[in-house]
Amino acid sequence: MKLLSTVAIVAVGALTLVGCASDSGSPSSEPTELTVVSYGGAYQEAQSEAFFAPFSDDTGITVTEDSPTDYAQLRTMVENGRPTWDLALVANDFGTEADADYLEPIDYDKIDKSALVDGAAQKYRVAADIEASVIAYRSDEFTTAPTSWADLFDTEKFPGKRIFSKLVSGGVLEAALLADGVAPDDLCPLDVDRALEKLDTIKDDIVWWDTAAQSQQLLESGEGAIGLVWVGRAVDAGKQTPITINWDTWLQVDAYWVIPKGAPGASAAQDLLAAALQKDPQLTFAGLSDYGPVNAEAAEDPSVTANENRPTNHLDTRVDIDDDWWGANAQDVDKKFQAWLVS
């Protein structure tokens, strides 16, 4: 009986210790590995050098990288209660209140939102960098420079093929409405039918791209004379061919970090964000890419402001896209857009 009592005490003590460890979040329960999913390519390589490797060195947490981000996969992971991604990079059409059921709130006790540029800090996402969809054109194709959205749609004054993304939330509808005379502040709710009618006027002159690499190739080959492309691809194309970017007006299409709800390494992912959004890592990333830093102090650094094609140098001419509207309406609008494409 004495032996049984001793065993019982040991067993109860063990259960108590397990319970305490589980409740207190002891070091033994801390993750030793984080899985981060991004866009791949040179872009993700820059993130790895600027953010992931230094964080791993400082904390001992291994950062395993994956790509690309897939919204459907993220939703399925969360719905099944088994998310394997701890941190994911998304475009401007994901991570708003419409996606709240799938995401952890960003912890602004860890992340200093006052250090970030305006609009970067949001409830369920925080900007990774400041990006842009810009009007880029072959300067060897035109005797005068196109300077407006109307010029983008004027095939008589500026002949040649137009290139646009098939991603409906990527700015093509906003570009059409702006070209049709809609003021930037009056874009939303988007008049989708009006936008498609404007696109009808140049439909035969449009070459659609599915990937950013395709947009760059279309510019470099000359198949596209002018179009709406991501700034990084326009800059890269300009290294090989005479490409000019119009900064008189452009569309905001930032990338954002989100943490899937229930991610096993959610707390450490918040720590990674807190580290990545500081000035020095942001400057390192800016030096490896063509995008603008979201840390406000970094955005004003001479190494950043000296680059004419850095989006953060042109925030006064930016046209904002209503991400909340897209979060609520993207699926329905895409169905209409896809039907128009094949009509």
C-alpha atoms as a PDB file:
ATOM      1  CA  MET A   1       0.000   0.000   0.000  1.00  0.00           C
ATOM      2  CA  LYS A   2       2.904   2.321   0.817  1.00  0.00           C
ATOM      3  CA  LEU A   3       4.406   1.587  -2.606  1.00  0.00           C
ATOM      4  CA  LEU A   4       1.096   2.282  -4.352  1.00  0.00           C
ATOM      5  CA  SER A   5       0.771   5.585  -2.503  1.00  0.00           C
ATOM      6  CA  THR A   6       4.235   6.608  -3.617  1.00  0.00           C
ATOM      7  CA  VAL A   7       3.458   5.742  -7.243  1.00  0.00           C
ATOM      8  CA  ALA A   8       0.214   7.675  -7.069  1.00  0.00           C
ATOM      9  CA  ILE A   9       1.968  10.746  -5.702  1.00  0.00           C
ATOM     10  CA  VAL A  10       4.595  10.586  -8.447  1.00  0.00           C
ATOM     11  CA  ALA A  11       1.886  10.187 -11.101  1.00  0.00           C
ATOM     12  CA  VAL A  12      -0.121  13.124  -9.782  1.00  0.00           C
ATOM     13  CA  GLY A  13       3.027  15.210  -9.603  1.00  0.00           C
ATOM     14  CA  ALA A  14       3.892  14.342 -13.195  1.00  0.00           C
ATOM     15  CA  LEU A  15       0.419  15.280 -14.378  1.00  0.00           C
ATOM     16  CA  THR A  16       0.653  18.549 -12.463  1.00  0.00           C
ATOM     17  CA  LEU A  17       3.979  19.367 -14.066  1.00  0.00           C
ATOM     18  CA  VAL A  18       2.627  18.596 -17.535  1.00  0.00           C
ATOM     19  CA  GLY A  19      -0.399  20.761 -16.878  1.00  0.00           C
ATOM     20  CA  CYS A  20       1.737  23.641 -15.622  1.00  0.00           C
ATOM     21  CA  ALA A  21       4.077  23.387 -18.582  1.00  0.00           C
ATOM     22  CA  SER A  22       1.152  23.479 -20.976  1.00  0.00           C
ATOM     23  CA  ASP A  23      -0.540  26.421 -19.262  1.00  0.00           C
ATOM     24  CA  SER A  24       2.528  28.571 -18.763  1.00  0.00           C
ATOM     25  CA  GLY A  25       4.035  28.174 -22.221  1.00  0.00           C
ATOM     26  CA  SER A  26       7.372  26.942 -20.862  1.00  0.00           C
ATOM     27  CA  PRO A  27      10.514  27.143 -23.003  1.00  0.00           C
ATOM     28  CA  SER A  28      10.089  23.462 -23.887  1.00  0.00           C
ATOM     29  CA  SER A  29       6.882  24.358 -25.739  1.00  0.00           C
ATOM     30  CA  GLU A  30       8.467  27.180 -27.703  1.00  0.00           C
ATOM     31  CA  PRO A  31       8.890  26.424 -31.421  1.00  0.00           C
ATOM     32  CA  THR A  32      12.348  25.677 -32.740  1.00  0.00           C
ATOM     33  CA  GLU A  33      11.213  26.177 -36.326  1.00  0.00           C
ATOM     34  CA  LEU A  34       9.017  28.639 -38.217  1.00  0.00           C
ATOM     35  CA  THR A  35       7.561  28.091 -41.677  1.00  0.00           C
ATOM     36  CA  VAL A  36       7.318  31.259 -43.743  1.00  0.00           C
ATOM     37  CA  VAL A  37       5.686  31.348 -47.164  1.00  0.00           C
ATOM     38  CA  SER A  38       6.377  34.155 -49.621  1.00  0.00           C
ATOM     39  CA  TYR A  39       6.481  34.858 -53.366  1.00  0.00           C
ATOM     40  CA  GLY A  40       9.710  33.068 -54.230  1.00  0.00           C
ATOM     41  CA  GLY A  41      12.466  34.173 -56.609  1.00  0.00           C
ATOM     42  CA  ALA A  42      14.839  37.067 -56.049  1.00  0.00           C
ATOM     43  CA  TYR A  43      12.193  38.806 -53.943  1.00  0.00           C
ATOM     44  CA  GLN A  44      12.101  36.034 -51.350  1.00  0.00           C
ATOM     45  CA  GLU A  45      15.874  35.691 -51.477  1.00  0.00           C
ATOM     46  CA  ALA A  46      16.106  39.353 -50.458  1.00  0.00           C
ATOM     47  CA  GLN A  47      13.676  38.740 -47.581  1.00  0.00           C
ATOM     48  CA  SER A  48      15.719  35.750 -46.485  1.00  0.00           C
ATOM     49  CA  GLU A  49      18.945  37.728 -46.387  1.00  0.00           C
ATOM     50  CA  ALA A  50      17.424  40.799 -44.736  1.00  0.00           C
ATOM     51  CA  PHE A  51      14.942  39.204 -42.310  1.00  0.00           C
ATOM     52  CA  PHE A  52      14.885  35.445 -41.928  1.00  0.00           C
ATOM     53  CA  ALA A  53      18.590  34.594 -41.615  1.00  0.00           C
ATOM     54  CA  PRO A  54      19.341  37.345 -39.053  1.00  0.00           C
ATOM     55  CA  PHE A  55      16.299  36.354 -36.977  1.00  0.00           C
ATOM     56  CA  SER A  56      17.399  32.729 -37.006  1.00  0.00           C
ATOM     57  CA  ASP A  57      20.922  33.721 -35.970  1.00  0.00           C
ATOM     58  CA  ASP A  58      19.611  35.865 -33.111  1.00  0.00           C
ATOM     59  CA  THR A  59      17.022  33.427 -31.752  1.00  0.00           C
ATOM     60  CA  GLY A  60      18.177  29.967 -32.755  1.00  0.00           C
ATOM     61  CA  ILE A  61      14.811  29.397 -34.430  1.00  0.00           C
ATOM     62  CA  THR A  62      15.135  27.774 -37.836  1.00  0.00           C
ATOM     63  CA  VAL A  63      13.152  29.564 -40.546  1.00  0.00           C
ATOM     64  CA  THR A  64      11.930  27.139 -43.199  1.00  0.00           C
ATOM     65  CA  GLU A  65      10.783  28.870 -46.381  1.00  0.00           C
ATOM     66  CA  ASP A  66       8.033  27.907 -48.787  1.00  0.00           C
ATOM     67  CA  SER A  67       6.330  29.482 -51.820  1.00  0.00           C
ATOM     68  CA  PRO A  68       4.036  30.555 -53.291  1.00  0.00           C
ATOM     69  CA  THR A  69       1.208  31.765 -51.079  1.00  0.00           C
ATOM     70  CA  ASP A  70      -2.133  30.160 -51.866  1.00  0.00           C
ATOM     71  CA  TYR A  71      -5.216  31.646 -50.191  1.00  0.00           C
ATOM     72  CA  ALA A  72      -7.313  28.511 -50.663  1.00  0.00           C
ATOM     73  CA  GLN A  73      -4.601  26.406 -49.050  1.00  0.00           C
ATOM     74  CA  LEU A  74      -4.330  28.811 -46.113  1.00  0.00           C
ATOM     75  CA  ARG A  75      -8.103  28.740 -45.560  1.00  0.00           C
ATOM     76  CA  THR A  76      -8.201  24.944 -45.738  1.00  0.00           C
ATOM     77  CA  MET A  77      -5.371  24.620 -43.212  1.00  0.00           C
ATOM     78  CA  VAL A  78      -7.190  26.823 -40.730  1.00  0.00           C
ATOM     79  CA  GLU A  79     -10.593  25.204 -41.292  1.00  0.00           C
ATOM     80  CA  ASN A  80      -9.046  21.794 -40.620  1.00  0.00           C
ATOM     81  CA  GLY A  81      -7.308  23.083 -37.503  1.00  0.00           C
ATOM     82  CA  ARG A  82      -3.875  22.134 -38.830  1.00  0.00           C
ATOM     83  CA  PRO A  83      -2.080  25.207 -40.169  1.00  0.00           C
ATOM     84  CA  THR A  84       1.518  24.442 -41.132  1.00  0.00           C
ATOM     85  CA  TRP A  85       2.417  27.992 -42.138  1.00  0.00           C
ATOM     86  CA  ASP A  86       3.365  30.396 -39.365  1.00  0.00           C
ATOM     87  CA  LEU A  87       3.746  33.519 -41.496  1.00  0.00           C
ATOM     88  CA  ALA A  88       2.530  34.202 -45.024  1.00  0.00           C
ATOM     89  CA  LEU A  89       2.941  37.014 -47.533  1.00  0.00           C
ATOM     90  CA  VAL A  90      -0.268  38.092 -49.265  1.00  0.00           C
ATOM     91  CA  ALA A  91      -1.340  40.700 -51.797  1.00  0.00           C
ATOM     92  CA  ASN A  92      -3.582  43.675 -51.084  1.00  0.00           C
ATOM     93  CA  ASP A  93      -6.764  41.659 -51.724  1.00  0.00           C
ATOM     94  CA  PHE A  94      -6.310  39.428 -48.639  1.00  0.00           C
ATOM     95  CA  GLY A  95      -6.043  40.018 -44.916  1.00  0.00           C
ATOM     96  CA  THR A  96      -8.840  42.525 -44.390  1.00  0.00           C
ATOM     97  CA  GLU A  97     -11.789  42.107 -42.011  1.00  0.00           C
ATOM     98  CA  ALA A  98     -13.350  39.760 -44.579  1.00  0.00           C
ATOM     99  CA  ASP A  99     -10.609  37.228 -43.745  1.00  0.00           C
ATOM    100  CA  ALA A 100     -10.704  37.658 -39.962  1.00  0.00           C
ATOM    101  CA  ASP A 101     -11.791  34.049 -39.349  1.00  0.00           C
ATOM    102  CA  TYR A 102      -8.545  32.797 -40.858  1.00  0.00           C
ATOM    103  CA  LEU A 103      -6.003  35.101 -39.237  1.00  0.00           C
ATOM    104  CA  GLU A 104      -4.396  36.010 -35.938  1.00  0.00           C
ATOM    105  CA  PRO A 105      -4.459  39.714 -35.023  1.00  0.00           C
ATOM    106  CA  ILE A 106      -1.094  41.421 -35.362  1.00  0.00           C
ATOM    107  CA  ASP A 107       0.442  42.037 -31.931  1.00  0.00           C
ATOM    108  CA  TYR A 108       1.216  45.735 -31.736  1.00  0.00           C
ATOM    109  CA  ASP A 109       2.539  45.329 -28.217  1.00  0.00           C
ATOM    110  CA  LYS A 110       5.503  43.656 -29.900  1.00  0.00           C
ATOM    111  CA  ILE A 111       5.462  45.653 -33.136  1.00  0.00           C
ATOM    112  CA  ASP A 112       5.878  49.431 -32.939  1.00  0.00           C
ATOM    113  CA  LYS A 113       3.192  50.702 -35.297  1.00  0.00           C
ATOM    114  CA  SER A 114       4.308  54.318 -34.748  1.00  0.00           C
ATOM    115  CA  ALA A 115       7.560  53.461 -36.545  1.00  0.00           C
ATOM    116  CA  LEU A 116       5.753  52.464 -39.740  1.00  0.00           C
ATOM    117  CA  VAL A 117       4.532  54.527 -42.690  1.00  0.00           C
ATOM    118  CA  ASP A 118       0.870  55.508 -42.692  1.00  0.00           C
ATOM    119  CA  GLY A 119      -1.496  52.641 -43.435  1.00  0.00           C
ATOM    120  CA  ALA A 120       1.067  49.878 -42.891  1.00  0.00           C
ATOM    121  CA  ALA A 121      -0.268  48.711 -39.528  1.00  0.00           C
ATOM    122  CA  GLN A 122      -3.653  46.979 -39.803  1.00  0.00           C
ATOM    123  CA  LYS A 123      -5.557  44.608 -37.513  1.00  0.00           C
ATOM    124  CA  TYR A 124      -4.896  41.310 -39.257  1.00  0.00           C
ATOM    125  CA  ARG A 125      -1.945  42.234 -41.455  1.00  0.00           C
ATOM    126  CA  VAL A 126       1.068  44.497 -41.557  1.00  0.00           C
ATOM    127  CA  ALA A 127       2.723  45.765 -44.726  1.00  0.00           C
ATOM    128  CA  ALA A 128       5.873  43.957 -45.809  1.00  0.00           C
ATOM    129  CA  ASP A 129       6.971  46.679 -48.236  1.00  0.00           C
ATOM    130  CA  ILE A 130       5.525  49.495 -50.312  1.00  0.00           C
ATOM    131  CA  GLU A 131       4.858  48.297 -53.846  1.00  0.00           C
ATOM    132  CA  ALA A 132       3.244  49.840 -56.892  1.00  0.00           C
ATOM    133  CA  SER A 133       1.455  49.083 -60.123  1.00  0.00           C
ATOM    134  CA  VAL A 134       2.821  51.648 -62.534  1.00  0.00           C
ATOM    135  CA  ILE A 135       2.348  52.783 -66.102  1.00  0.00           C
ATOM    136  CA  ALA A 136       5.553  51.614 -67.775  1.00  0.00           C
ATOM    137  CA  TYR A 137       6.284  52.140 -71.434  1.00  0.00           C
ATOM    138  CA  ARG A 138       8.883  51.724 -74.145  1.00  0.00           C
ATOM    139  CA  SER A 139      10.378  55.178 -74.496  1.00  0.00           C
ATOM    140  CA  ASP A 140      11.670  54.226 -77.943  1.00  0.00           C
ATOM    141  CA  GLU A 141       8.091  53.703 -79.156  1.00  0.00           C
ATOM    142  CA  PHE A 142       6.654  57.173 -78.529  1.00  0.00           C
ATOM    143  CA  THR A 143       7.743  60.662 -79.549  1.00  0.00           C
ATOM    144  CA  THR A 144       5.865  62.147 -76.576  1.00  0.00           C
ATOM    145  CA  ALA A 145       5.593  60.627 -73.129  1.00  0.00           C
ATOM    146  CA  PRO A 146       2.284  59.197 -71.872  1.00  0.00           C
ATOM    147  CA  THR A 147       1.569  60.881 -68.561  1.00  0.00           C
ATOM    148  CA  SER A 148      -1.965  59.883 -67.574  1.00  0.00           C
ATOM    149  CA  TRP A 149      -4.436  57.021 -67.323  1.00  0.00           C
ATOM    150  CA  ALA A 150      -6.228  58.455 -70.337  1.00  0.00           C
ATOM    151  CA  ASP A 151      -2.980  58.160 -72.332  1.00  0.00           C
ATOM    152  CA  LEU A 152      -2.773  54.495 -71.368  1.00  0.00           C
ATOM    153  CA  PHE A 153      -6.107  53.964 -73.151  1.00  0.00           C
ATOM    154  CA  ASP A 154      -5.413  56.268 -76.105  1.00  0.00           C
ATOM    155  CA  THR A 155      -4.295  53.904 -78.860  1.00  0.00           C
ATOM    156  CA  GLU A 156      -4.382  56.612 -81.548  1.00  0.00           C
ATOM    157  CA  LYS A 157      -1.972  59.000 -79.859  1.00  0.00           C
ATOM    158  CA  PHE A 158       0.059  56.164 -78.344  1.00  0.00           C
ATOM    159  CA  PRO A 159      -0.247  53.129 -80.656  1.00  0.00           C
ATOM    160  CA  GLY A 160       0.872  49.677 -79.600  1.00  0.00           C
ATOM    161  CA  LYS A 161      -0.201  46.739 -77.479  1.00  0.00           C
ATOM    162  CA  ARG A 162      -1.272  47.313 -73.888  1.00  0.00           C
ATOM    163  CA  ILE A 163      -0.333  44.824 -71.178  1.00  0.00           C
ATOM    164  CA  PHE A 164      -2.515  44.181 -68.134  1.00  0.00           C
ATOM    165  CA  SER A 165      -2.704  41.544 -65.429  1.00  0.00           C
ATOM    166  CA  LYS A 166      -5.512  38.984 -65.463  1.00  0.00           C
ATOM    167  CA  LEU A 167      -5.724  39.359 -61.688  1.00  0.00           C
ATOM    168  CA  VAL A 168      -8.867  41.464 -61.479  1.00  0.00           C
ATOM    169  CA  SER A 169      -7.920  42.978 -58.118  1.00  0.00           C
ATOM    170  CA  GLY A 170      -4.521  44.014 -59.484  1.00  0.00           C
ATOM    171  CA  GLY A 171      -5.657  47.433 -60.690  1.00  0.00           C
ATOM    172  CA  VAL A 172      -7.002  46.927 -64.206  1.00  0.00           C
ATOM    173  CA  LEU A 173     -10.531  48.060 -63.295  1.00  0.00           C
ATOM    174  CA  GLU A 174      -9.255  51.070 -61.369  1.00  0.00           C
ATOM    175  CA  ALA A 175      -7.062  52.030 -64.319  1.00  0.00           C
ATOM    176  CA  ALA A 176     -10.045  51.847 -66.677  1.00  0.00           C
ATOM    177  CA  LEU A 177     -12.208  54.028 -64.437  1.00  0.00           C
ATOM    178  CA  LEU A 178      -9.445  56.586 -63.921  1.00  0.00           C
ATOM    179  CA  ALA A 179      -8.951  56.728 -67.700  1.00  0.00           C
ATOM    180  CA  ASP A 180     -12.698  57.274 -68.056  1.00  0.00           C
ATOM    181  CA  GLY A 181     -12.576  60.344 -65.838  1.00  0.00           C
ATOM    182  CA  VAL A 182     -13.447  58.980 -62.408  1.00  0.00           C
ATOM    183  CA  ALA A 183     -11.664  60.869 -59.621  1.00  0.00           C
ATOM    184  CA  PRO A 184      -9.375  58.781 -57.377  1.00  0.00           C
ATOM    185  CA  ASP A 185     -11.483  59.531 -54.299  1.00  0.00           C
ATOM    186  CA  ASP A 186     -14.625  58.341 -56.099  1.00  0.00           C
ATOM    187  CA  LEU A 187     -13.370  54.967 -57.306  1.00  0.00           C
ATOM    188  CA  CYS A 188     -15.156  52.822 -54.740  1.00  0.00           C
ATOM    189  CA  PRO A 189     -17.514  51.180 -54.786  1.00  0.00           C
ATOM    190  CA  LEU A 190     -16.164  50.257 -58.209  1.00  0.00           C
ATOM    191  CA  ASP A 191     -18.515  50.648 -61.152  1.00  0.00           C
ATOM    192  CA  VAL A 192     -17.486  47.323 -62.679  1.00  0.00           C
ATOM    193  CA  ASP A 193     -19.735  47.616 -65.730  1.00  0.00           C
ATOM    194  CA  ARG A 194     -18.353  51.061 -66.563  1.00  0.00           C
ATOM    195  CA  ALA A 195     -14.795  49.768 -66.194  1.00  0.00           C
ATOM    196  CA  LEU A 196     -15.462  46.854 -68.538  1.00  0.00           C
ATOM    197  CA  GLU A 197     -17.047  49.182 -71.080  1.00  0.00           C
ATOM    198  CA  LYS A 198     -13.883  51.292 -71.027  1.00  0.00           C
ATOM    199  CA  LEU A 199     -11.744  48.179 -71.435  1.00  0.00           C
ATOM    200  CA  ASP A 200     -13.904  47.227 -74.415  1.00  0.00           C
ATOM    201  CA  THR A 201     -12.519  50.263 -76.265  1.00  0.00           C
ATOM    202  CA  ILE A 202      -9.014  48.738 -76.319  1.00  0.00           C
ATOM    203  CA  LYS A 203      -9.780  45.044 -75.865  1.00  0.00           C
ATOM    204  CA  ASP A 204      -8.240  44.059 -79.206  1.00  0.00           C
ATOM    205  CA  ASP A 205      -5.010  45.836 -78.238  1.00  0.00           C
ATOM    206  CA  ILE A 206      -4.573  44.143 -74.856  1.00  0.00           C
ATOM    207  CA  VAL A 207      -2.068  41.393 -74.125  1.00  0.00           C
ATOM    208  CA  TRP A 208      -2.812  39.803 -70.752  1.00  0.00           C
ATOM    209  CA  TRP A 209      -0.144  38.558 -68.380  1.00  0.00           C
ATOM    210  CA  ASP A 210      -0.578  35.904 -65.706  1.00  0.00           C
ATOM    211  CA  THR A 211       2.769  36.268 -63.952  1.00  0.00           C
ATOM    212  CA  ALA A 212       5.048  39.185 -63.190  1.00  0.00           C
ATOM    213  CA  ALA A 213       7.802  37.509 -65.196  1.00  0.00           C
ATOM    214  CA  GLN A 214       5.534  37.561 -68.253  1.00  0.00           C
ATOM    215  CA  SER A 215       4.920  41.292 -67.886  1.00  0.00           C
ATOM    216  CA  GLN A 216       8.648  41.951 -67.859  1.00  0.00           C
ATOM    217  CA  GLN A 217       9.184  39.736 -70.883  1.00  0.00           C
ATOM    218  CA  LEU A 218       6.431  41.521 -72.822  1.00  0.00           C
ATOM    219  CA  LEU A 219       8.096  44.881 -72.201  1.00  0.00           C
ATOM    220  CA  GLU A 220      11.589  43.659 -73.001  1.00  0.00           C
ATOM    221  CA  SER A 221      10.527  41.957 -76.229  1.00  0.00           C
ATOM    222  CA  GLY A 222       8.559  44.990 -77.377  1.00  0.00           C
ATOM    223  CA  GLU A 223       5.351  42.982 -77.704  1.00  0.00           C
ATOM    224  CA  GLY A 224       3.904  45.376 -75.168  1.00  0.00           C
ATOM    225  CA  ALA A 225       4.487  49.067 -75.828  1.00  0.00           C
ATOM    226  CA  ILE A 226       2.864  50.281 -72.629  1.00  0.00           C
ATOM    227  CA  GLY A 227       1.003  48.779 -69.725  1.00  0.00           C
ATOM    228  CA  LEU A 228       0.247  48.429 -66.043  1.00  0.00           C
ATOM    229  CA  VAL A 229       2.952  46.371 -64.337  1.00  0.00           C
ATOM    230  CA  TRP A 230       4.567  45.921 -60.950  1.00  0.00           C
ATOM    231  CA  VAL A 231       7.328  48.407 -60.360  1.00  0.00           C
ATOM    232  CA  GLY A 232      10.003  45.793 -59.645  1.00  0.00           C
ATOM    233  CA  ARG A 233       9.450  44.173 -63.024  1.00  0.00           C
ATOM    234  CA  ALA A 234       9.408  47.532 -64.788  1.00  0.00           C
ATOM    235  CA  VAL A 235      12.734  48.446 -63.201  1.00  0.00           C
ATOM    236  CA  ASP A 236      14.249  45.085 -64.146  1.00  0.00           C
ATOM    237  CA  ALA A 237      12.992  45.455 -67.723  1.00  0.00           C
ATOM    238  CA  GLY A 238      14.602  48.889 -67.846  1.00  0.00           C
ATOM    239  CA  LYS A 239      18.000  47.343 -67.212  1.00  0.00           C
ATOM    240  CA  GLN A 240      17.797  45.639 -70.600  1.00  0.00           C
ATOM    241  CA  THR A 241      15.598  47.946 -72.681  1.00  0.00           C
ATOM    242  CA  PRO A 242      14.524  51.629 -72.800  1.00  0.00           C
ATOM    243  CA  ILE A 243      11.673  51.493 -70.250  1.00  0.00           C
ATOM    244  CA  THR A 244      10.308  54.581 -68.515  1.00  0.00           C
ATOM    245  CA  ILE A 245       8.021  54.620 -65.467  1.00  0.00           C
ATOM    246  CA  ASN A 246       5.378  57.303 -65.088  1.00  0.00           C
ATOM    247  CA  TRP A 247       5.279  58.457 -61.459  1.00  0.00           C
ATOM    248  CA  ASP A 248       2.671  61.176 -62.065  1.00  0.00           C
ATOM    249  CA  THR A 249       0.022  58.675 -60.961  1.00  0.00           C
ATOM    250  CA  TRP A 250       0.215  55.052 -59.821  1.00  0.00           C
ATOM    251  CA  LEU A 251      -1.694  52.398 -57.898  1.00  0.00           C
ATOM    252  CA  GLN A 252      -0.944  51.157 -54.404  1.00  0.00           C
ATOM    253  CA  VAL A 253      -0.616  47.364 -54.291  1.00  0.00           C
ATOM    254  CA  ASP A 254       1.428  46.652 -51.169  1.00  0.00           C
ATOM    255  CA  ALA A 255       2.362  43.190 -49.931  1.00  0.00           C
ATOM    256  CA  TYR A 256       1.345  42.209 -46.394  1.00  0.00           C
ATOM    257  CA  TRP A 257       2.345  39.701 -43.744  1.00  0.00           C
ATOM    258  CA  VAL A 258      -0.396  37.616 -42.123  1.00  0.00           C
ATOM    259  CA  ILE A 259      -0.350  34.892 -39.472  1.00  0.00           C
ATOM    260  CA  PRO A 260      -2.787  32.000 -40.014  1.00  0.00           C
ATOM    261  CA  LYS A 261      -5.153  31.449 -37.090  1.00  0.00           C
ATOM    262  CA  GLY A 262      -3.872  28.691 -34.849  1.00  0.00           C
ATOM    263  CA  ALA A 263      -0.374  28.722 -36.351  1.00  0.00           C
ATOM    264  CA  PRO A 264       1.896  26.684 -34.036  1.00  0.00           C
ATOM    265  CA  GLY A 265       4.570  29.364 -34.107  1.00  0.00           C
ATOM    266  CA  ALA A 266       2.278  32.398 -33.989  1.00  0.00           C
ATOM    267  CA  SER A 267       4.065  34.085 -31.081  1.00  0.00           C
ATOM    268  CA  ALA A 268       7.508  33.630 -32.642  1.00  0.00           C
ATOM    269  CA  ALA A 269       6.108  34.859 -35.969  1.00  0.00           C
ATOM    270  CA  GLN A 270       5.094  38.081 -34.220  1.00  0.00           C
ATOM    271  CA  ASP A 271       8.682  38.354 -32.947  1.00  0.00           C
ATOM    272  CA  LEU A 272       9.998  37.858 -36.479  1.00  0.00           C
ATOM    273  CA  LEU A 273       7.766  40.673 -37.722  1.00  0.00           C
ATOM    274  CA  ALA A 274       8.892  42.963 -34.928  1.00  0.00           C
ATOM    275  CA  ALA A 275      12.499  42.372 -35.949  1.00  0.00           C
ATOM    276  CA  ALA A 276      11.931  42.605 -39.715  1.00  0.00           C
ATOM    277  CA  LEU A 277      10.107  45.946 -39.519  1.00  0.00           C
ATOM    278  CA  GLN A 278      12.937  47.796 -37.810  1.00  0.00           C
ATOM    279  CA  LYS A 279      15.028  50.343 -39.687  1.00  0.00           C
ATOM    280  CA  ASP A 280      18.207  48.379 -40.413  1.00  0.00           C
ATOM    281  CA  PRO A 281      16.578  45.193 -41.778  1.00  0.00           C
ATOM    282  CA  GLN A 282      14.260  47.354 -43.876  1.00  0.00           C
ATOM    283  CA  LEU A 283      17.237  49.202 -45.348  1.00  0.00           C
ATOM    284  CA  THR A 284      18.949  45.904 -46.098  1.00  0.00           C
ATOM    285  CA  PHE A 285      15.859  44.674 -47.935  1.00  0.00           C
ATOM    286  CA  ALA A 286      15.513  47.956 -49.830  1.00  0.00           C
ATOM    287  CA  GLY A 287      19.112  47.610 -50.968  1.00  0.00           C
ATOM    288  CA  LEU A 288      18.323  44.182 -52.382  1.00  0.00           C
ATOM    289  CA  SER A 289      15.031  45.077 -54.083  1.00  0.00           C
ATOM    290  CA  ASP A 290      13.183  47.869 -55.879  1.00  0.00           C
ATOM    291  CA  TYR A 291      10.461  48.305 -53.269  1.00  0.00           C
ATOM    292  CA  GLY A 292       9.940  50.895 -50.583  1.00  0.00           C
ATOM    293  CA  PRO A 293      10.533  50.153 -46.895  1.00  0.00           C
ATOM    294  CA  VAL A 294       7.589  50.325 -44.499  1.00  0.00           C
ATOM    295  CA  ASN A 295       9.709  51.598 -41.644  1.00  0.00           C
ATOM    296  CA  ALA A 296       9.219  55.380 -41.836  1.00  0.00           C
ATOM    297  CA  GLU A 297      12.768  56.219 -40.807  1.00  0.00           C
ATOM    298  CA  ALA A 298      14.175  53.834 -43.387  1.00  0.00           C
ATOM    299  CA  ALA A 299      11.926  55.327 -46.076  1.00  0.00           C
ATOM    300  CA  GLU A 300      13.578  58.713 -45.507  1.00  0.00           C
ATOM    301  CA  ASP A 301      17.136  57.385 -45.546  1.00  0.00           C
ATOM    302  CA  PRO A 302      19.318  58.932 -48.306  1.00  0.00           C
ATOM    303  CA  SER A 303      20.074  55.479 -49.715  1.00  0.00           C
ATOM    304  CA  VAL A 304      16.345  55.098 -50.389  1.00  0.00           C
ATOM    305  CA  THR A 305      15.419  58.622 -51.452  1.00  0.00           C
ATOM    306  CA  ALA A 306      18.254  58.679 -54.004  1.00  0.00           C
ATOM    307  CA  ASN A 307      16.455  56.020 -56.071  1.00  0.00           C
ATOM    308  CA  GLU A 308      13.973  57.729 -58.402  1.00  0.00           C
ATOM    309  CA  ASN A 309      11.980  54.533 -58.883  1.00  0.00           C
ATOM    310  CA  ARG A 310      11.385  53.825 -55.193  1.00  0.00           C
ATOM    311  CA  PRO A 311       7.599  53.982 -54.515  1.00  0.00           C
ATOM    312  CA  THR A 312       8.080  55.651 -51.127  1.00  0.00           C
ATOM    313  CA  ASN A 313       9.517  58.669 -52.942  1.00  0.00           C
ATOM    314  CA  HIS A 314       6.193  59.255 -54.693  1.00  0.00           C
ATOM    315  CA  LEU A 315       3.542  58.717 -52.042  1.00  0.00           C
ATOM    316  CA  ASP A 316       1.947  62.073 -52.883  1.00  0.00           C
ATOM    317  CA  THR A 317       0.859  60.803 -56.323  1.00  0.00           C
ATOM    318  CA  ARG A 318      -0.348  57.387 -55.165  1.00  0.00           C
ATOM    319  CA  VAL A 319      -3.909  56.288 -55.878  1.00  0.00           C
ATOM    320  CA  ASP A 320      -5.127  54.015 -53.092  1.00  0.00           C
ATOM    321  CA  ILE A 321      -6.973  50.803 -53.862  1.00  0.00           C
ATOM    322  CA  ASP A 322      -9.838  50.017 -51.483  1.00  0.00           C
ATOM    323  CA  ASP A 323      -8.641  46.684 -50.101  1.00  0.00           C
ATOM    324  CA  ASP A 324     -11.652  46.282 -47.804  1.00  0.00           C
ATOM    325  CA  TRP A 325     -13.985  46.562 -50.799  1.00  0.00           C
ATOM    326  CA  TRP A 326     -11.955  43.999 -52.694  1.00  0.00           C
ATOM    327  CA  GLY A 327     -11.885  41.683 -49.689  1.00  0.00           C
ATOM    328  CA  ALA A 328     -15.672  41.642 -49.656  1.00  0.00           C
ATOM    329  CA  ASN A 329     -16.275  41.611 -53.426  1.00  0.00           C
ATOM    330  CA  ALA A 330     -13.322  39.959 -55.167  1.00  0.00           C
ATOM    331  CA  GLN A 331     -14.939  36.612 -55.911  1.00  0.00           C
ATOM    332  CA  ASP A 332     -18.110  38.063 -57.454  1.00  0.00           C
ATOM    333  CA  VAL A 333     -16.204  40.648 -59.487  1.00  0.00           C
ATOM    334  CA  ASP A 334     -13.759  38.050 -60.741  1.00  0.00           C
ATOM    335  CA  LYS A 335     -16.616  35.904 -62.090  1.00  0.00           C
ATOM    336  CA  LYS A 336     -17.903  38.872 -64.087  1.00  0.00           C
ATOM    337  CA  PHE A 337     -14.397  39.758 -65.259  1.00  0.00           C
ATOM    338  CA  GLN A 338     -13.585  36.223 -66.401  1.00  0.00           C
ATOM    339  CA  ALA A 339     -16.858  36.088 -68.336  1.00  0.00           C
ATOM    340  CA  TRP A 340     -15.965  39.388 -70.011  1.00  0.00           C
ATOM    341  CA  LEU A 341     -12.512  38.078 -70.965  1.00  0.00           C
ATOM    342  CA  VAL A 342     -13.999  35.257 -73.049  1.00  0.00           C
ATOM    343  CA  SER A 343     -16.900  37.253 -74.460  1.00  0.00           C
END
